Structure formats: structure tokens, C-alpha cells
Amino acid sequence: MPSPKFSKAAYQNPLKEISFNQKGSLLLESLLAIVIVAVSLTVIIQALLSNLRAMTRSSSCLSAMVSLENKMDALLYRCLRHEPIKENINSPGDELYQYALEERKLNGDEKTAVFKEVKLISSWKEGKKDQHISVVTYLLDFSNEK
């Protein structure tokens, strides 16, 4: 079996063969790769931070919706018991959310109206911004029956 022939050129140092014009290209390629990685990481970090802000806003909005739903249920219960619904909307334990109630009578004048529109608005401060969310429902007006 003949022995394989090895050339001396295969074992030479590749840096010795680089010409004068090619010596700086390795440095440029390295710097370009570092810049590409840095820009990519910056974009990824900004996307993650944006996602975190959206999750925080979604969480506070969901919490406000649950609180608003509980407050609306309490108002509907008051209405069914023929109690005034405008009294004590903001509870002492609700420092995080402030509530506002708007109601107006529908279909007819103030004395003969059968339905009323009740709008409950919850507002809260999130960072520097004021946020709000509202719920609207329609109730039978029992105030004329007394």
C-alpha cells in the first residue's frame, strides 16, 4: 500500500500568506460582527422592555375591571333594594381606584321614565398617566313606584 503524500504547503502558517492589503480585514470583520451583535441585542432588549410595560398595563387594567365589576354589582344590589345608588361610591378602602357615577333617565321625561342608564367610571394613576375604564348598564327605574 503506497503511503499518502503530504505537501509542505498544507502545514504552513496561514498568516504568513496574507498580503499587506488583507492584514486589516480580519480586524474590520471582527468589529463589524461586534456591531451587528450589539445592535441585535439592543433591539431584543427594547422588545422585551416594551412587552414588560404592556404586561404591567394589562395587569392593572384587569385589576381595575374586576374592581369595577364588583362595584357595579354592589350598585345593582342597592338598586334592587330600592336604595339610592349615588351614595358612598368611593369606599374608604379603595385608595387605588376612584369611582364616578353618571346616571340619566331614558325614554320620556324625568317623571315618566322607565329606564335609566347607569355609567360607572373607574380611574387610577399608573405612573405619570391617569387611566380610566367605564361600564354602562340599563336599569328599571323604581323611583316612580313609591
N, C-alpha and C. Protein backbone atom coordinates (compact mmCIF):
# COMPACT_ATOMS: atom_id res chain seq x y z
N MET A 1 0.85 -1.17 0.00
CA MET A 1 0.00 0.00 0.00
C MET A 1 0.90 1.24 0.00
N PRO A 2 0.65 2.14 -0.96
CA PRO A 2 1.51 3.32 -1.03
C PRO A 2 1.16 4.31 0.07
N SER A 3 2.15 4.98 0.61
CA SER A 3 1.92 5.96 1.66
C SER A 3 1.41 7.27 1.04
N PRO A 4 0.50 7.94 1.73
CA PRO A 4 -0.03 9.19 1.18
C PRO A 4 1.04 10.27 1.18
N LYS A 5 0.97 11.12 0.20
CA LYS A 5 1.94 12.20 0.07
C LYS A 5 1.34 13.48 0.68
N PHE A 6 2.12 14.07 1.53
CA PHE A 6 1.70 15.32 2.16
C PHE A 6 2.54 16.46 1.59
N SER A 7 1.86 17.53 1.32
CA SER A 7 2.60 18.68 0.83
C SER A 7 2.99 19.57 2.00
N LYS A 8 4.10 20.22 1.88
CA LYS A 8 4.59 21.10 2.91
C LYS A 8 3.72 22.36 3.02
N ALA A 9 3.04 22.74 1.95
CA ALA A 9 2.21 23.95 1.93
C ALA A 9 0.98 23.83 2.81
N ALA A 10 0.52 22.60 3.04
CA ALA A 10 -0.68 22.40 3.86
C ALA A 10 -0.41 22.72 5.32
N TYR A 11 0.82 22.63 5.76
CA TYR A 11 1.14 22.86 7.16
C TYR A 11 1.76 24.23 7.42
N GLN A 12 1.76 25.08 6.46
CA GLN A 12 2.34 26.40 6.66
C GLN A 12 1.37 27.30 7.41
N ASN A 13 1.89 28.28 8.09
CA ASN A 13 1.09 29.24 8.84
C ASN A 13 0.30 30.11 7.85
N PRO A 14 -1.06 30.15 7.99
CA PRO A 14 -1.85 30.93 7.03
C PRO A 14 -1.64 32.43 7.16
N LEU A 15 -1.19 32.92 8.32
CA LEU A 15 -1.00 34.35 8.48
C LEU A 15 0.20 34.86 7.69
N LYS A 16 1.14 33.98 7.39
CA LYS A 16 2.29 34.40 6.62
C LYS A 16 1.92 34.68 5.17
N GLU A 17 0.84 34.07 4.72
CA GLU A 17 0.46 34.23 3.32
C GLU A 17 -0.45 35.44 3.09
N ILE A 18 -0.87 36.13 4.16
CA ILE A 18 -1.76 37.29 3.99
C ILE A 18 -0.93 38.46 3.49
N SER A 19 -1.43 39.08 2.48
CA SER A 19 -0.70 40.21 1.90
C SER A 19 -0.93 41.46 2.73
N PHE A 20 -0.24 42.53 2.39
CA PHE A 20 -0.32 43.79 3.13
C PHE A 20 -1.73 44.36 3.10
N ASN A 21 -2.48 44.23 2.01
CA ASN A 21 -3.83 44.78 1.87
C ASN A 21 -4.86 43.99 2.67
N GLN A 22 -4.58 42.75 3.01
CA GLN A 22 -5.55 41.90 3.70
C GLN A 22 -5.35 41.88 5.21
N LYS A 23 -4.28 42.44 5.75
CA LYS A 23 -3.98 42.34 7.17
C LYS A 23 -5.03 43.01 8.04
N GLY A 24 -5.63 44.12 7.65
CA GLY A 24 -6.63 44.83 8.45
C GLY A 24 -8.04 44.30 8.27
N SER A 25 -8.25 43.42 7.30
CA SER A 25 -9.61 42.94 7.04
C SER A 25 -10.12 42.07 8.17
N LEU A 26 -9.27 41.33 8.84
CA LEU A 26 -9.70 40.48 9.96
C LEU A 26 -10.20 41.36 11.10
N LEU A 27 -9.52 42.45 11.37
CA LEU A 27 -9.93 43.38 12.40
C LEU A 27 -11.26 44.04 12.04
N LEU A 28 -11.42 44.45 10.79
CA LEU A 28 -12.68 45.04 10.34
C LEU A 28 -13.84 44.06 10.44
N GLU A 29 -13.59 42.82 10.05
CA GLU A 29 -14.65 41.81 10.13
C GLU A 29 -15.05 41.57 11.58
N SER A 30 -14.09 41.55 12.49
CA SER A 30 -14.39 41.37 13.91
C SER A 30 -15.20 42.53 14.45
N LEU A 31 -14.79 43.77 14.12
CA LEU A 31 -15.54 44.94 14.58
C LEU A 31 -16.95 44.96 14.01
N LEU A 32 -17.10 44.60 12.75
CA LEU A 32 -18.42 44.55 12.14
C LEU A 32 -19.30 43.51 12.82
N ALA A 33 -18.75 42.36 13.15
CA ALA A 33 -19.52 41.32 13.84
C ALA A 33 -19.95 41.80 15.23
N ILE A 34 -19.06 42.51 15.93
CA ILE A 34 -19.42 43.03 17.27
C ILE A 34 -20.52 44.08 17.16
N VAL A 35 -20.46 44.93 16.16
CA VAL A 35 -21.51 45.95 15.97
C VAL A 35 -22.85 45.29 15.65
N ILE A 36 -22.85 44.27 14.83
CA ILE A 36 -24.09 43.58 14.48
C ILE A 36 -24.69 42.91 15.72
N VAL A 37 -23.86 42.27 16.52
CA VAL A 37 -24.36 41.63 17.75
C VAL A 37 -24.89 42.68 18.72
N ALA A 38 -24.20 43.80 18.86
CA ALA A 38 -24.65 44.85 19.78
C ALA A 38 -26.00 45.44 19.35
N VAL A 39 -26.16 45.71 18.07
CA VAL A 39 -27.43 46.24 17.57
C VAL A 39 -28.55 45.21 17.76
N SER A 40 -28.26 43.97 17.50
CA SER A 40 -29.27 42.92 17.67
C SER A 40 -29.69 42.81 19.12
N LEU A 41 -28.74 42.83 20.04
CA LEU A 41 -29.08 42.75 21.46
C LEU A 41 -29.87 43.97 21.92
N THR A 42 -29.56 45.15 21.40
CA THR A 42 -30.32 46.35 21.75
C THR A 42 -31.77 46.24 21.31
N VAL A 43 -31.99 45.74 20.11
CA VAL A 43 -33.36 45.58 19.60
C VAL A 43 -34.11 44.55 20.44
N ILE A 44 -33.46 43.46 20.79
CA ILE A 44 -34.12 42.41 21.59
C ILE A 44 -34.46 42.94 22.98
N ILE A 45 -33.56 43.68 23.61
CA ILE A 45 -33.82 44.22 24.94
C ILE A 45 -34.96 45.24 24.90
N GLN A 46 -35.00 46.07 23.88
CA GLN A 46 -36.11 47.04 23.76
C GLN A 46 -37.44 46.32 23.57
N ALA A 47 -37.45 45.25 22.81
CA ALA A 47 -38.69 44.49 22.62
C ALA A 47 -39.14 43.85 23.93
N LEU A 48 -38.21 43.34 24.71
CA LEU A 48 -38.57 42.74 26.00
C LEU A 48 -39.10 43.79 26.97
N LEU A 49 -38.48 44.96 27.00
CA LEU A 49 -38.96 46.02 27.89
C LEU A 49 -40.35 46.51 27.47
N SER A 50 -40.58 46.61 26.19
CA SER A 50 -41.90 47.01 25.70
C SER A 50 -42.95 45.97 26.09
N ASN A 51 -42.60 44.71 25.99
CA ASN A 51 -43.51 43.64 26.38
C ASN A 51 -43.79 43.70 27.88
N LEU A 52 -42.79 44.00 28.69
CA LEU A 52 -42.97 44.11 30.13
C LEU A 52 -43.91 45.26 30.48
N ARG A 53 -43.75 46.41 29.80
CA ARG A 53 -44.67 47.53 30.03
C ARG A 53 -46.10 47.16 29.65
N ALA A 54 -46.27 46.46 28.55
CA ALA A 54 -47.61 46.06 28.12
C ALA A 54 -48.24 45.09 29.12
N MET A 55 -47.44 44.19 29.66
CA MET A 55 -47.97 43.25 30.65
C MET A 55 -48.38 43.97 31.93
N THR A 56 -47.61 44.96 32.34
CA THR A 56 -47.94 45.73 33.54
C THR A 56 -49.24 46.50 33.33
N ARG A 57 -49.37 47.13 32.17
CA ARG A 57 -50.61 47.86 31.87
C ARG A 57 -51.80 46.93 31.81
N SER A 58 -51.62 45.78 31.21
CA SER A 58 -52.70 44.80 31.12
C SER A 58 -53.11 44.31 32.50
N SER A 59 -52.13 44.11 33.37
CA SER A 59 -52.42 43.65 34.72
C SER A 59 -53.21 44.69 35.51
N SER A 60 -52.81 45.96 35.44
CA SER A 60 -53.53 46.99 36.17
C SER A 60 -54.92 47.21 35.59
N CYS A 61 -55.06 47.08 34.28
CA CYS A 61 -56.37 47.24 33.64
C CYS A 61 -57.30 46.09 34.05
N LEU A 62 -56.77 44.88 34.11
CA LEU A 62 -57.58 43.73 34.53
C LEU A 62 -58.02 43.89 35.98
N SER A 63 -57.11 44.34 36.83
CA SER A 63 -57.45 44.57 38.23
C SER A 63 -58.54 45.63 38.36
N ALA A 64 -58.45 46.69 37.57
CA ALA A 64 -59.47 47.74 37.59
C ALA A 64 -60.81 47.22 37.10
N MET A 65 -60.78 46.35 36.09
CA MET A 65 -62.03 45.79 35.58
C MET A 65 -62.72 44.92 36.62
N VAL A 66 -61.96 44.12 37.34
CA VAL A 66 -62.54 43.27 38.39
C VAL A 66 -63.12 44.14 39.50
N SER A 67 -62.37 45.17 39.91
CA SER A 67 -62.86 46.07 40.94
C SER A 67 -64.11 46.81 40.49
N LEU A 68 -64.13 47.23 39.23
CA LEU A 68 -65.30 47.93 38.68
C LEU A 68 -66.51 47.01 38.61
N GLU A 69 -66.28 45.77 38.24
CA GLU A 69 -67.39 44.81 38.20
C GLU A 69 -67.97 44.57 39.59
N ASN A 70 -67.12 44.46 40.59
CA ASN A 70 -67.61 44.28 41.96
C ASN A 70 -68.40 45.50 42.42
N LYS A 71 -67.90 46.69 42.08
CA LYS A 71 -68.60 47.91 42.47
C LYS A 71 -69.95 48.01 41.76
N MET A 72 -70.02 47.62 40.49
CA MET A 72 -71.28 47.66 39.74
C MET A 72 -72.27 46.65 40.32
N ASP A 73 -71.80 45.48 40.72
CA ASP A 73 -72.69 44.50 41.35
C ASP A 73 -73.29 45.05 42.64
N ALA A 74 -72.45 45.75 43.42
CA ALA A 74 -72.96 46.34 44.67
C ALA A 74 -74.01 47.42 44.36
N LEU A 75 -73.79 48.19 43.30
CA LEU A 75 -74.77 49.22 42.93
C LEU A 75 -76.08 48.59 42.45
N LEU A 76 -75.98 47.52 41.69
CA LEU A 76 -77.20 46.83 41.23
C LEU A 76 -77.97 46.24 42.40
N TYR A 77 -77.26 45.73 43.38
CA TYR A 77 -77.91 45.19 44.57
C TYR A 77 -78.63 46.29 45.33
N ARG A 78 -78.00 47.47 45.44
CA ARG A 78 -78.66 48.61 46.07
C ARG A 78 -79.92 49.01 45.31
N CYS A 79 -79.83 48.98 43.98
CA CYS A 79 -80.98 49.37 43.16
C CYS A 79 -82.14 48.40 43.37
N LEU A 80 -81.84 47.12 43.46
CA LEU A 80 -82.90 46.13 43.68
C LEU A 80 -83.54 46.28 45.05
N ARG A 81 -82.80 46.79 46.01
CA ARG A 81 -83.35 47.02 47.35
C ARG A 81 -83.99 48.40 47.47
N HIS A 82 -84.10 49.12 46.35
CA HIS A 82 -84.70 50.46 46.28
C HIS A 82 -83.94 51.47 47.13
N GLU A 83 -82.64 51.33 47.18
CA GLU A 83 -81.80 52.28 47.89
C GLU A 83 -81.19 53.25 46.87
N PRO A 84 -80.86 54.44 47.28
CA PRO A 84 -80.19 55.36 46.34
C PRO A 84 -78.80 54.83 46.00
N ILE A 85 -78.47 54.89 44.72
CA ILE A 85 -77.19 54.31 44.30
C ILE A 85 -76.07 55.34 44.24
N LYS A 86 -76.37 56.60 44.40
CA LYS A 86 -75.33 57.63 44.31
C LYS A 86 -74.55 57.80 45.61
N GLU A 87 -75.01 57.24 46.70
CA GLU A 87 -74.35 57.45 47.99
C GLU A 87 -73.19 56.47 48.16
N ASN A 88 -72.11 56.97 48.73
CA ASN A 88 -70.95 56.16 49.13
C ASN A 88 -70.39 55.31 47.99
N ILE A 89 -70.06 55.94 46.89
CA ILE A 89 -69.47 55.18 45.77
C ILE A 89 -68.02 54.86 46.06
N ASN A 90 -67.27 55.84 46.57
CA ASN A 90 -65.87 55.62 46.91
C ASN A 90 -65.77 55.13 48.34
N SER A 91 -65.34 53.90 48.51
CA SER A 91 -65.20 53.31 49.84
C SER A 91 -63.89 53.78 50.46
N PRO A 92 -63.81 53.78 51.79
CA PRO A 92 -62.56 54.19 52.44
C PRO A 92 -61.39 53.24 52.11
N GLY A 93 -61.65 51.98 51.80
CA GLY A 93 -60.59 51.04 51.49
C GLY A 93 -60.09 51.09 50.06
N ASP A 94 -60.73 51.90 49.22
CA ASP A 94 -60.36 51.99 47.80
C ASP A 94 -59.50 53.21 47.54
N GLU A 95 -58.25 53.19 47.98
CA GLU A 95 -57.36 54.31 47.70
C GLU A 95 -56.79 54.22 46.29
N LEU A 96 -56.72 53.01 45.76
CA LEU A 96 -56.12 52.82 44.45
C LEU A 96 -57.03 53.31 43.32
N TYR A 97 -58.34 53.07 43.46
CA TYR A 97 -59.28 53.43 42.41
C TYR A 97 -60.27 54.48 42.91
N GLN A 98 -60.60 55.42 42.05
CA GLN A 98 -61.63 56.41 42.32
C GLN A 98 -62.79 56.13 41.37
N TYR A 99 -64.00 56.23 41.86
CA TYR A 99 -65.18 55.91 41.06
C TYR A 99 -66.04 57.15 40.86
N ALA A 100 -66.67 57.21 39.71
CA ALA A 100 -67.63 58.28 39.40
C ALA A 100 -68.85 57.60 38.80
N LEU A 101 -70.01 58.09 39.19
CA LEU A 101 -71.26 57.51 38.72
C LEU A 101 -72.04 58.56 37.95
N GLU A 102 -72.48 58.18 36.76
CA GLU A 102 -73.34 59.05 35.96
C GLU A 102 -74.61 58.28 35.66
N GLU A 103 -75.74 58.91 35.87
CA GLU A 103 -77.00 58.25 35.51
C GLU A 103 -77.92 59.26 34.84
N ARG A 104 -78.67 58.74 33.87
CA ARG A 104 -79.64 59.59 33.19
C ARG A 104 -80.85 58.74 32.84
N LYS A 105 -81.99 59.37 32.86
CA LYS A 105 -83.24 58.67 32.58
C LYS A 105 -83.47 58.62 31.08
N LEU A 106 -84.00 57.50 30.63
CA LEU A 106 -84.24 57.28 29.20
C LEU A 106 -85.73 57.27 28.90
N ASN A 107 -86.05 57.33 27.63
CA ASN A 107 -87.40 57.26 27.04
C ASN A 107 -88.48 57.95 27.88
N GLY A 108 -88.49 59.24 27.76
CA GLY A 108 -89.54 60.02 28.41
C GLY A 108 -88.95 61.15 29.22
N ASP A 109 -89.82 61.89 29.86
CA ASP A 109 -89.33 62.98 30.70
C ASP A 109 -88.91 62.43 32.06
N GLU A 110 -88.49 63.31 32.94
CA GLU A 110 -87.94 62.88 34.23
C GLU A 110 -88.98 62.17 35.10
N LYS A 111 -90.27 62.45 34.93
CA LYS A 111 -91.28 61.85 35.80
C LYS A 111 -91.79 60.52 35.28
N THR A 112 -91.79 60.31 33.96
CA THR A 112 -92.38 59.09 33.41
C THR A 112 -91.34 58.12 32.87
N ALA A 113 -90.08 58.34 33.10
CA ALA A 113 -89.04 57.47 32.56
C ALA A 113 -89.11 56.10 33.21
N VAL A 114 -88.93 55.07 32.38
CA VAL A 114 -88.99 53.69 32.86
C VAL A 114 -87.58 53.13 33.05
N PHE A 115 -86.68 53.50 32.17
CA PHE A 115 -85.31 53.00 32.25
C PHE A 115 -84.35 54.14 32.57
N LYS A 116 -83.26 53.77 33.20
CA LYS A 116 -82.18 54.74 33.37
C LYS A 116 -80.86 54.08 33.00
N GLU A 117 -80.02 54.90 32.43
CA GLU A 117 -78.68 54.45 32.04
C GLU A 117 -77.72 54.79 33.18
N VAL A 118 -76.99 53.79 33.63
CA VAL A 118 -76.04 53.98 34.72
C VAL A 118 -74.65 53.69 34.17
N LYS A 119 -73.77 54.68 34.30
CA LYS A 119 -72.40 54.55 33.84
C LYS A 119 -71.47 54.71 35.04
N LEU A 120 -70.65 53.70 35.29
CA LEU A 120 -69.70 53.73 36.39
C LEU A 120 -68.30 53.82 35.80
N ILE A 121 -67.55 54.82 36.24
CA ILE A 121 -66.21 55.07 35.71
C ILE A 121 -65.20 54.85 36.83
N SER A 122 -64.20 54.06 36.55
CA SER A 122 -63.12 53.84 37.49
C SER A 122 -61.86 54.50 36.94
N SER A 123 -61.18 55.27 37.78
CA SER A 123 -59.94 55.92 37.35
C SER A 123 -58.85 55.63 38.37
N TRP A 124 -57.63 55.55 37.86
CA TRP A 124 -56.49 55.28 38.71
C TRP A 124 -55.25 55.89 38.08
N LYS A 125 -54.22 56.05 38.86
CA LYS A 125 -52.97 56.64 38.39
C LYS A 125 -51.99 55.50 38.16
N GLU A 126 -51.43 55.48 36.96
CA GLU A 126 -50.44 54.47 36.61
C GLU A 126 -49.19 55.20 36.14
N GLY A 127 -48.21 55.27 37.01
CA GLY A 127 -47.02 56.05 36.69
C GLY A 127 -47.38 57.53 36.66
N LYS A 128 -47.10 58.19 35.57
CA LYS A 128 -47.45 59.61 35.42
C LYS A 128 -48.79 59.80 34.74
N LYS A 129 -49.37 58.72 34.23
CA LYS A 129 -50.61 58.84 33.45
C LYS A 129 -51.83 58.50 34.29
N ASP A 130 -52.93 59.17 33.99
CA ASP A 130 -54.22 58.84 34.58
C ASP A 130 -54.95 57.90 33.63
N GLN A 131 -55.38 56.77 34.15
CA GLN A 131 -56.09 55.78 33.35
C GLN A 131 -57.54 55.73 33.82
N HIS A 132 -58.42 55.30 32.94
CA HIS A 132 -59.82 55.13 33.33
C HIS A 132 -60.46 54.05 32.47
N ILE A 133 -61.51 53.48 33.02
CA ILE A 133 -62.30 52.47 32.32
C ILE A 133 -63.73 52.63 32.80
N SER A 134 -64.69 52.33 31.95
CA SER A 134 -66.09 52.54 32.35
C SER A 134 -66.95 51.35 31.96
N VAL A 135 -68.07 51.24 32.67
CA VAL A 135 -69.08 50.21 32.42
C VAL A 135 -70.43 50.90 32.37
N VAL A 136 -71.24 50.52 31.40
CA VAL A 136 -72.58 51.09 31.25
C VAL A 136 -73.60 49.98 31.33
N THR A 137 -74.67 50.22 32.08
CA THR A 137 -75.78 49.26 32.15
C THR A 137 -77.09 50.05 32.18
N TYR A 138 -78.17 49.34 31.97
CA TYR A 138 -79.50 49.95 31.95
C TYR A 138 -80.34 49.28 33.03
N LEU A 139 -81.02 50.10 33.82
CA LEU A 139 -81.81 49.59 34.94
C LEU A 139 -83.25 50.07 34.82
N LEU A 140 -84.15 49.30 35.38
CA LEU A 140 -85.52 49.76 35.53
C LEU A 140 -85.53 50.80 36.64
N ASP A 141 -86.26 51.87 36.42
CA ASP A 141 -86.31 52.94 37.40
C ASP A 141 -87.48 52.70 38.34
N PHE A 142 -87.16 52.29 39.56
CA PHE A 142 -88.20 52.01 40.55
C PHE A 142 -88.55 53.24 41.39
N SER A 143 -87.91 54.36 41.13
CA SER A 143 -88.14 55.53 41.97
C SER A 143 -89.54 56.12 41.79
N ASN A 144 -90.22 55.84 40.67
CA ASN A 144 -91.56 56.37 40.43
C ASN A 144 -92.66 55.55 41.10
N GLU A 145 -92.30 54.35 41.60
CA GLU A 145 -93.33 53.48 42.18
C GLU A 145 -93.69 53.86 43.58
N LYS A 146 -92.88 54.63 44.28
CA LYS A 146 -93.13 54.96 45.69
C LYS A 146 -94.18 56.02 45.82
